[in-house]
PDB file of all heavy atoms in Angstrom:
ATOM      1  N   ALA A   1       0.086   7.310  -0.845  1.00  0.00           N
ATOM      2  CA  ALA A   1       0.137   5.881  -0.559  1.00  0.00           C
ATOM      3  C   ALA A   1      -0.406   5.589   0.823  1.00  0.00           C
ATOM      4  O   ALA A   1      -0.459   6.459   1.700  1.00  0.00           O
ATOM      5  CB  ALA A   1       1.570   5.363  -0.678  1.00  0.00           C
ATOM      6  N   TRP A   2      -0.800   4.343   1.002  1.00  0.00           N
ATOM      7  CA  TRP A   2      -1.172   3.804   2.300  1.00  0.00           C
ATOM      8  C   TRP A   2      -0.128   2.800   2.746  1.00  0.00           C
ATOM      9  O   TRP A   2       0.300   1.934   1.960  1.00  0.00           O
ATOM     10  CB  TRP A   2      -2.533   3.112   2.256  1.00  0.00           C
ATOM     11  CG  TRP A   2      -3.692   4.033   2.082  1.00  0.00           C
ATOM     12  CD1 TRP A   2      -4.347   4.322   0.931  1.00  0.00           C
ATOM     13  CD2 TRP A   2      -4.337   4.781   3.114  1.00  0.00           C
ATOM     14  NE1 TRP A   2      -5.374   5.203   1.171  1.00  0.00           N
ATOM     15  CE2 TRP A   2      -5.391   5.505   2.505  1.00  0.00           C
ATOM     16  CE3 TRP A   2      -4.143   4.913   4.491  1.00  0.00           C
ATOM     17  CZ2 TRP A   2      -6.236   6.345   3.229  1.00  0.00           C
ATOM     18  CZ3 TRP A   2      -4.983   5.747   5.205  1.00  0.00           C
ATOM     19  CH2 TRP A   2      -6.013   6.453   4.574  1.00  0.00           C
ATOM     20  N   PHE A   3       0.292   2.922   3.980  1.00  0.00           N
ATOM     21  CA  PHE A   3       1.144   1.953   4.647  1.00  0.00           C
ATOM     22  C   PHE A   3       0.429   1.479   5.905  1.00  0.00           C
ATOM     23  O   PHE A   3      -0.508   2.104   6.372  1.00  0.00           O
ATOM     24  CB  PHE A   3       2.496   2.565   5.020  1.00  0.00           C
ATOM     25  CG  PHE A   3       3.395   2.854   3.849  1.00  0.00           C
ATOM     26  CD1 PHE A   3       3.166   3.943   3.021  1.00  0.00           C
ATOM     27  CD2 PHE A   3       4.478   2.034   3.579  1.00  0.00           C
ATOM     28  CE1 PHE A   3       3.988   4.217   1.945  1.00  0.00           C
ATOM     29  CE2 PHE A   3       5.323   2.296   2.505  1.00  0.00           C
ATOM     30  CZ  PHE A   3       5.069   3.387   1.691  1.00  0.00           C
ATOM     31  N   ARG A   4       0.896   0.379   6.466  1.00  0.00           N
ATOM     32  CA  ARG A   4       0.336  -0.091   7.727  1.00  0.00           C
ATOM     33  C   ARG A   4       1.429  -0.702   8.582  1.00  0.00           C
ATOM     34  O   ARG A   4       2.455  -1.162   8.079  1.00  0.00           O
ATOM     35  CB  ARG A   4      -0.790  -1.101   7.501  1.00  0.00           C
ATOM     36  CG  ARG A   4      -0.348  -2.422   6.884  1.00  0.00           C
ATOM     37  CD  ARG A   4      -1.565  -3.275   6.544  1.00  0.00           C
ATOM     38  NE  ARG A   4      -1.182  -4.570   5.997  1.00  0.00           N
ATOM     39  CZ  ARG A   4      -2.034  -5.450   5.515  1.00  0.00           C
ATOM     40  NH1 ARG A   4      -3.350  -5.186   5.512  1.00  0.00           N
ATOM     41  NH2 ARG A   4      -1.600  -6.609   5.035  1.00  0.00           N
ATOM     42  N   GLN A   5       1.191  -0.704   9.881  1.00  0.00           N
ATOM     43  CA  GLN A   5       2.140  -1.272  10.813  1.00  0.00           C
ATOM     44  C   GLN A   5       1.382  -1.991  11.922  1.00  0.00           C
ATOM     45  O   GLN A   5       0.595  -1.382  12.642  1.00  0.00           O
ATOM     46  CB  GLN A   5       3.047  -0.194  11.407  1.00  0.00           C
ATOM     47  CG  GLN A   5       4.171  -0.753  12.258  1.00  0.00           C
ATOM     48  CD  GLN A   5       5.198   0.299  12.616  1.00  0.00           C
ATOM     49  OE1 GLN A   5       4.918   1.491  12.588  1.00  0.00           O
ATOM     50  NE2 GLN A   5       6.395  -0.148  12.944  1.00  0.00           N
ATOM     51  N   ALA A   6       1.622  -3.281  12.029  1.00  0.00           N
ATOM     52  CA  ALA A   6       1.040  -4.096  13.081  1.00  0.00           C
ATOM     53  C   ALA A   6       1.989  -4.131  14.270  1.00  0.00           C
ATOM     54  O   ALA A   6       3.197  -3.914  14.122  1.00  0.00           O
ATOM     55  CB  ALA A   6       0.773  -5.508  12.570  1.00  0.00           C
ATOM     56  N   PRO A   7       1.475  -4.416  15.469  1.00  0.00           N
ATOM     57  CA  PRO A   7       2.347  -4.473  16.643  1.00  0.00           C
ATOM     58  C   PRO A   7       3.502  -5.451  16.452  1.00  0.00           C
ATOM     59  O   PRO A   7       3.296  -6.588  16.020  1.00  0.00           O
ATOM     60  CB  PRO A   7       1.410  -4.938  17.756  1.00  0.00           C
ATOM     61  CG  PRO A   7       0.061  -4.481  17.315  1.00  0.00           C
ATOM     62  CD  PRO A   7       0.065  -4.633  15.829  1.00  0.00           C
ATOM     63  N   GLY A   8       4.709  -4.994  16.757  1.00  0.00           N
ATOM     64  CA  GLY A   8       5.877  -5.839  16.646  1.00  0.00           C
ATOM     65  C   GLY A   8       6.380  -6.079  15.240  1.00  0.00           C
ATOM     66  O   GLY A   8       7.299  -6.887  15.056  1.00  0.00           O
ATOM     67  N   ARG A   9       5.812  -5.407  14.261  1.00  0.00           N
ATOM     68  CA  ARG A   9       6.221  -5.606  12.879  1.00  0.00           C
ATOM     69  C   ARG A   9       6.674  -4.291  12.255  1.00  0.00           C
ATOM     70  O   ARG A   9       6.358  -3.206  12.754  1.00  0.00           O
ATOM     71  CB  ARG A   9       5.077  -6.196  12.053  1.00  0.00           C
ATOM     72  CG  ARG A   9       4.584  -7.544  12.544  1.00  0.00           C
ATOM     73  CD  ARG A   9       3.575  -8.146  11.600  1.00  0.00           C
ATOM     74  NE  ARG A   9       4.166  -8.427  10.293  1.00  0.00           N
ATOM     75  CZ  ARG A   9       3.502  -8.928   9.256  1.00  0.00           C
ATOM     76  NH1 ARG A   9       2.210  -9.198   9.372  1.00  0.00           N
ATOM     77  NH2 ARG A   9       4.123  -9.157   8.106  1.00  0.00           N
ATOM     78  N   GLU A  10       7.410  -4.395  11.166  1.00  0.00           N
ATOM     79  CA  GLU A  10       7.850  -3.222  10.430  1.00  0.00           C
ATOM     80  C   GLU A  10       6.685  -2.640   9.640  1.00  0.00           C
ATOM     81  O   GLU A  10       5.734  -3.339   9.270  1.00  0.00           O
ATOM     82  CB  GLU A  10       8.989  -3.579   9.478  1.00  0.00           C
ATOM     83  CG  GLU A  10      10.250  -4.077  10.156  1.00  0.00           C
ATOM     84  CD  GLU A  10      10.968  -2.978  10.889  1.00  0.00           C
ATOM     85  OE1 GLU A  10      10.865  -1.806  10.471  1.00  0.00           O
ATOM     86  OE2 GLU A  10      11.639  -3.282  11.886  1.00  0.00           O
ATOM     87  N   ARG A  11       6.770  -1.345   9.381  1.00  0.00           N
ATOM     88  CA  ARG A  11       5.783  -0.710   8.532  1.00  0.00           C
ATOM     89  C   ARG A  11       5.868  -1.301   7.121  1.00  0.00           C
ATOM     90  O   ARG A  11       6.957  -1.482   6.579  1.00  0.00           O
ATOM     91  CB  ARG A  11       6.015   0.797   8.498  1.00  0.00           C
ATOM     92  CG  ARG A  11       4.986   1.579   7.713  1.00  0.00           C
ATOM     93  CD  ARG A  11       5.219   3.081   7.832  1.00  0.00           C
ATOM     94  NE  ARG A  11       5.006   3.552   9.189  1.00  0.00           N
ATOM     95  CZ  ARG A  11       5.106   4.828   9.564  1.00  0.00           C
ATOM     96  NH1 ARG A  11       5.427   5.756   8.682  1.00  0.00           N
ATOM     97  NH2 ARG A  11       4.895   5.177  10.831  1.00  0.00           N
ATOM     98  N   GLU A  12       4.717  -1.598   6.523  1.00  0.00           N
ATOM     99  CA  GLU A  12       4.696  -2.210   5.209  1.00  0.00           C
ATOM    100  C   GLU A  12       3.815  -1.431   4.244  1.00  0.00           C
ATOM    101  O   GLU A  12       2.825  -0.815   4.632  1.00  0.00           O
ATOM    102  CB  GLU A  12       4.220  -3.670   5.284  1.00  0.00           C
ATOM    103  CG  GLU A  12       2.780  -3.845   5.732  1.00  0.00           C
ATOM    104  CD  GLU A  12       2.308  -5.285   5.660  1.00  0.00           C
ATOM    105  OE1 GLU A  12       2.946  -6.103   4.970  1.00  0.00           O
ATOM    106  OE2 GLU A  12       1.287  -5.599   6.310  1.00  0.00           O
ATOM    107  N   PHE A  13       4.185  -1.487   2.997  1.00  0.00           N
ATOM    108  CA  PHE A  13       3.442  -0.839   1.930  1.00  0.00           C
ATOM    109  C   PHE A  13       2.126  -1.552   1.690  1.00  0.00           C
ATOM    110  O   PHE A  13       2.060  -2.783   1.699  1.00  0.00           O
ATOM    111  CB  PHE A  13       4.288  -0.839   0.653  1.00  0.00           C
ATOM    112  CG  PHE A  13       3.549  -0.403  -0.575  1.00  0.00           C
ATOM    113  CD1 PHE A  13       3.331   0.939  -0.831  1.00  0.00           C
ATOM    114  CD2 PHE A  13       3.079  -1.332  -1.477  1.00  0.00           C
ATOM    115  CE1 PHE A  13       2.658   1.349  -1.967  1.00  0.00           C
ATOM    116  CE2 PHE A  13       2.406  -0.946  -2.618  1.00  0.00           C
ATOM    117  CZ  PHE A  13       2.191   0.403  -2.859  1.00  0.00           C
ATOM    118  N   VAL A  14       1.066  -0.781   1.446  1.00  0.00           N
ATOM    119  CA  VAL A  14      -0.250  -1.334   1.162  1.00  0.00           C
ATOM    120  C   VAL A  14      -0.688  -1.011  -0.266  1.00  0.00           C
ATOM    121  O   VAL A  14      -1.018  -1.905  -1.044  1.00  0.00           O
ATOM    122  CB  VAL A  14      -1.306  -0.823   2.162  1.00  0.00           C
ATOM    123  CG1 VAL A  14      -2.696  -1.334   1.787  1.00  0.00           C
ATOM    124  CG2 VAL A  14      -0.942  -1.237   3.579  1.00  0.00           C
ATOM    125  N   ALA A  15      -0.710   0.262  -0.620  1.00  0.00           N
ATOM    126  CA  ALA A  15      -1.178   0.681  -1.939  1.00  0.00           C
ATOM    127  C   ALA A  15      -0.700   2.093  -2.209  1.00  0.00           C
ATOM    128  O   ALA A  15      -0.455   2.868  -1.283  1.00  0.00           O
ATOM    129  CB  ALA A  15      -2.704   0.617  -2.030  1.00  0.00           C
ATOM    130  N   ALA A  16      -0.580   2.449  -3.487  1.00  0.00           N
ATOM    131  CA  ALA A  16      -0.174   3.789  -3.884  1.00  0.00           C
ATOM    132  C   ALA A  16      -0.948   4.207  -5.117  1.00  0.00           C
ATOM    133  O   ALA A  16      -1.381   3.370  -5.917  1.00  0.00           O
ATOM    134  CB  ALA A  16       1.328   3.853  -4.153  1.00  0.00           C
ATOM    135  N   ILE A  17      -1.089   5.511  -5.285  1.00  0.00           N
ATOM    136  CA  ILE A  17      -1.805   6.066  -6.422  1.00  0.00           C
ATOM    137  C   ILE A  17      -1.078   7.311  -6.894  1.00  0.00           C
ATOM    138  O   ILE A  17      -0.622   8.128  -6.092  1.00  0.00           O
ATOM    139  CB  ILE A  17      -3.279   6.352  -6.040  1.00  0.00           C
ATOM    140  CG1 ILE A  17      -4.084   6.816  -7.256  1.00  0.00           C
ATOM    141  CG2 ILE A  17      -3.363   7.359  -4.901  1.00  0.00           C
ATOM    142  CD1 ILE A  17      -5.589   6.799  -7.007  1.00  0.00           C
ATOM    143  N   SER A  18      -0.947   7.472  -8.206  1.00  0.00           N
ATOM    144  CA  SER A  18      -0.250   8.611  -8.767  1.00  0.00           C
ATOM    145  C   SER A  18      -1.074   9.883  -8.613  1.00  0.00           C
ATOM    146  O   SER A  18      -2.236   9.853  -8.204  1.00  0.00           O
ATOM    147  CB  SER A  18       0.092   8.366 -10.235  1.00  0.00           C
ATOM    148  OG  SER A  18      -1.080   8.167 -11.000  1.00  0.00           O
ATOM    149  N   GLY A  19      -0.476  11.010  -8.973  1.00  0.00           N
ATOM    150  CA  GLY A  19      -1.054  12.316  -8.691  1.00  0.00           C
ATOM    151  C   GLY A  19      -2.448  12.556  -9.228  1.00  0.00           C
ATOM    152  O   GLY A  19      -3.262  13.213  -8.570  1.00  0.00           O
ATOM    153  N   ILE A  20      -2.743  12.036 -10.436  1.00  0.00           N
ATOM    154  CA  ILE A  20      -4.078  12.194 -10.990  1.00  0.00           C
ATOM    155  C   ILE A  20      -4.833  10.870 -11.044  1.00  0.00           C
ATOM    156  O   ILE A  20      -5.901  10.787 -11.655  1.00  0.00           O
ATOM    157  CB  ILE A  20      -4.044  12.851 -12.380  1.00  0.00           C
ATOM    158  CG1 ILE A  20      -3.238  12.019 -13.369  1.00  0.00           C
ATOM    159  CG2 ILE A  20      -3.491  14.272 -12.273  1.00  0.00           C
ATOM    160  CD1 ILE A  20      -3.337  12.521 -14.798  1.00  0.00           C
ATOM    161  N   GLY A  21      -4.298   9.845 -10.424  1.00  0.00           N
ATOM    162  CA  GLY A  21      -5.000   8.587 -10.290  1.00  0.00           C
ATOM    163  C   GLY A  21      -4.824   7.600 -11.417  1.00  0.00           C
ATOM    164  O   GLY A  21      -5.476   6.548 -11.411  1.00  0.00           O
ATOM    165  N   GLY A  22      -3.939   7.893 -12.384  1.00  0.00           N
ATOM    166  CA  GLY A  22      -3.799   7.027 -13.537  1.00  0.00           C
ATOM    167  C   GLY A  22      -3.010   5.755 -13.306  1.00  0.00           C
ATOM    168  O   GLY A  22      -3.127   4.814 -14.092  1.00  0.00           O
ATOM    169  N   THR A  23      -2.203   5.716 -12.267  1.00  0.00           N
ATOM    170  CA  THR A  23      -1.381   4.558 -11.962  1.00  0.00           C
ATOM    171  C   THR A  23      -1.627   4.139 -10.528  1.00  0.00           C
ATOM    172  O   THR A  23      -1.635   4.985  -9.627  1.00  0.00           O
ATOM    173  CB  THR A  23       0.106   4.864 -12.173  1.00  0.00           C
ATOM    174  OG1 THR A  23       0.318   5.324 -13.507  1.00  0.00           O
ATOM    175  CG2 THR A  23       0.949   3.610 -11.943  1.00  0.00           C
ATOM    176  N   ILE A  24      -1.813   2.855 -10.315  1.00  0.00           N
ATOM    177  CA  ILE A  24      -2.110   2.302  -8.995  1.00  0.00           C
ATOM    178  C   ILE A  24      -1.232   1.085  -8.760  1.00  0.00           C
ATOM    179  O   ILE A  24      -1.004   0.285  -9.661  1.00  0.00           O
ATOM    180  CB  ILE A  24      -3.600   1.942  -8.883  1.00  0.00           C
ATOM    181  CG1 ILE A  24      -4.447   3.218  -8.825  1.00  0.00           C
ATOM    182  CG2 ILE A  24      -3.868   1.063  -7.673  1.00  0.00           C
ATOM    183  CD1 ILE A  24      -5.938   2.978  -8.889  1.00  0.00           C
ATOM    184  N   GLU A  25      -0.756   0.952  -7.520  1.00  0.00           N
ATOM    185  CA  GLU A  25       0.033  -0.204  -7.118  1.00  0.00           C
ATOM    186  C   GLU A  25      -0.548  -0.769  -5.826  1.00  0.00           C
ATOM    187  O   GLU A  25      -0.977  -0.026  -4.949  1.00  0.00           O
ATOM    188  CB  GLU A  25       1.497   0.182  -6.887  1.00  0.00           C
ATOM    189  CG  GLU A  25       2.201   0.799  -8.091  1.00  0.00           C
ATOM    190  CD  GLU A  25       2.669  -0.228  -9.097  1.00  0.00           C
ATOM    191  OE1 GLU A  25       2.623  -1.440  -8.785  1.00  0.00           O
ATOM    192  OE2 GLU A  25       3.080   0.167 -10.196  1.00  0.00           O
ATOM    193  N   TYR A  26      -0.551  -2.098  -5.722  1.00  0.00           N
ATOM    194  CA  TYR A  26      -1.022  -2.771  -4.518  1.00  0.00           C
ATOM    195  C   TYR A  26      -0.002  -3.783  -4.042  1.00  0.00           C
ATOM    196  O   TYR A  26       0.682  -4.421  -4.852  1.00  0.00           O
ATOM    197  CB  TYR A  26      -2.327  -3.526  -4.764  1.00  0.00           C
ATOM    198  CG  TYR A  26      -3.529  -2.676  -5.061  1.00  0.00           C
ATOM    199  CD1 TYR A  26      -4.004  -2.555  -6.360  1.00  0.00           C
ATOM    200  CD2 TYR A  26      -4.197  -2.011  -4.045  1.00  0.00           C
ATOM    201  CE1 TYR A  26      -5.121  -1.785  -6.636  1.00  0.00           C
ATOM    202  CE2 TYR A  26      -5.313  -1.237  -4.314  1.00  0.00           C
ATOM    203  CZ  TYR A  26      -5.773  -1.132  -5.617  1.00  0.00           C
ATOM    204  OH  TYR A  26      -6.882  -0.371  -5.886  1.00  0.00           O
ATOM    205  N   ALA A  27       0.067  -3.942  -2.732  1.00  0.00           N
ATOM    206  CA  ALA A  27       0.790  -5.074  -2.190  1.00  0.00           C
ATOM    207  C   ALA A  27       0.039  -6.360  -2.514  1.00  0.00           C
ATOM    208  O   ALA A  27      -1.192  -6.374  -2.580  1.00  0.00           O
ATOM    209  CB  ALA A  27       0.950  -4.923  -0.677  1.00  0.00           C
ATOM    210  N   ASP A  28       0.776  -7.439  -2.719  1.00  0.00           N
ATOM    211  CA  ASP A  28       0.141  -8.710  -3.047  1.00  0.00           C
ATOM    212  C   ASP A  28      -0.852  -9.152  -1.970  1.00  0.00           C
ATOM    213  O   ASP A  28      -1.870  -9.783  -2.277  1.00  0.00           O
ATOM    214  CB  ASP A  28       1.191  -9.793  -3.245  1.00  0.00           C
ATOM    215  CG  ASP A  28       1.974  -9.625  -4.537  1.00  0.00           C
ATOM    216  OD1 ASP A  28       1.510  -8.891  -5.434  1.00  0.00           O
ATOM    217  OD2 ASP A  28       3.051 -10.236  -4.657  1.00  0.00           O
ATOM    218  N   SER A  29      -0.585  -8.810  -0.730  1.00  0.00           N
ATOM    219  CA  SER A  29      -1.415  -9.257   0.370  1.00  0.00           C
ATOM    220  C   SER A  29      -2.813  -8.646   0.363  1.00  0.00           C
ATOM    221  O   SER A  29      -3.723  -9.190   0.995  1.00  0.00           O
ATOM    222  CB  SER A  29      -0.727  -8.956   1.704  1.00  0.00           C
ATOM    223  OG  SER A  29      -0.502  -7.566   1.851  1.00  0.00           O
ATOM    224  N   VAL A  30      -2.994  -7.531  -0.333  1.00  0.00           N
ATOM    225  CA  VAL A  30      -4.291  -6.859  -0.347  1.00  0.00           C
ATOM    226  C   VAL A  30      -4.913  -6.817  -1.731  1.00  0.00           C
ATOM    227  O   VAL A  30      -6.071  -6.372  -1.870  1.00  0.00           O
ATOM    228  CB  VAL A  30      -4.200  -5.433   0.227  1.00  0.00           C
ATOM    229  CG1 VAL A  30      -3.566  -5.453   1.608  1.00  0.00           C
ATOM    230  CG2 VAL A  30      -3.419  -4.517  -0.705  1.00  0.00           C
ATOM    231  N   LYS A  31      -4.214  -7.253  -2.733  1.00  0.00           N
ATOM    232  CA  LYS A  31      -4.704  -7.199  -4.104  1.00  0.00           C
ATOM    233  C   LYS A  31      -6.007  -7.992  -4.234  1.00  0.00           C
ATOM    234  O   LYS A  31      -6.102  -9.129  -3.772  1.00  0.00           O
ATOM    235  CB  LYS A  31      -3.642  -7.734  -5.059  1.00  0.00           C
ATOM    236  CG  LYS A  31      -3.860  -7.395  -6.512  1.00  0.00           C
ATOM    237  CD  LYS A  31      -2.642  -7.787  -7.351  1.00  0.00           C
ATOM    238  CE  LYS A  31      -1.401  -7.028  -6.925  1.00  0.00           C
ATOM    239  NZ  LYS A  31      -0.218  -7.373  -7.762  1.00  0.00           N
ATOM    240  N   GLY A  32      -6.999  -7.376  -4.853  1.00  0.00           N
ATOM    241  CA  GLY A  32      -8.295  -8.003  -5.010  1.00  0.00           C
ATOM    242  C   GLY A  32      -9.251  -7.746  -3.869  1.00  0.00           C
ATOM    243  O   GLY A  32     -10.450  -8.023  -3.998  1.00  0.00           O
TER     244      GLY A  32
END
């Protein structure tokens, strides 16, 4: 998975991918 953290903010989830790539999840803020 990818996470990100901006100054002064909590770390947030960005995207994740399963072991062989069959399942993907995105945060709404980056979807598309």
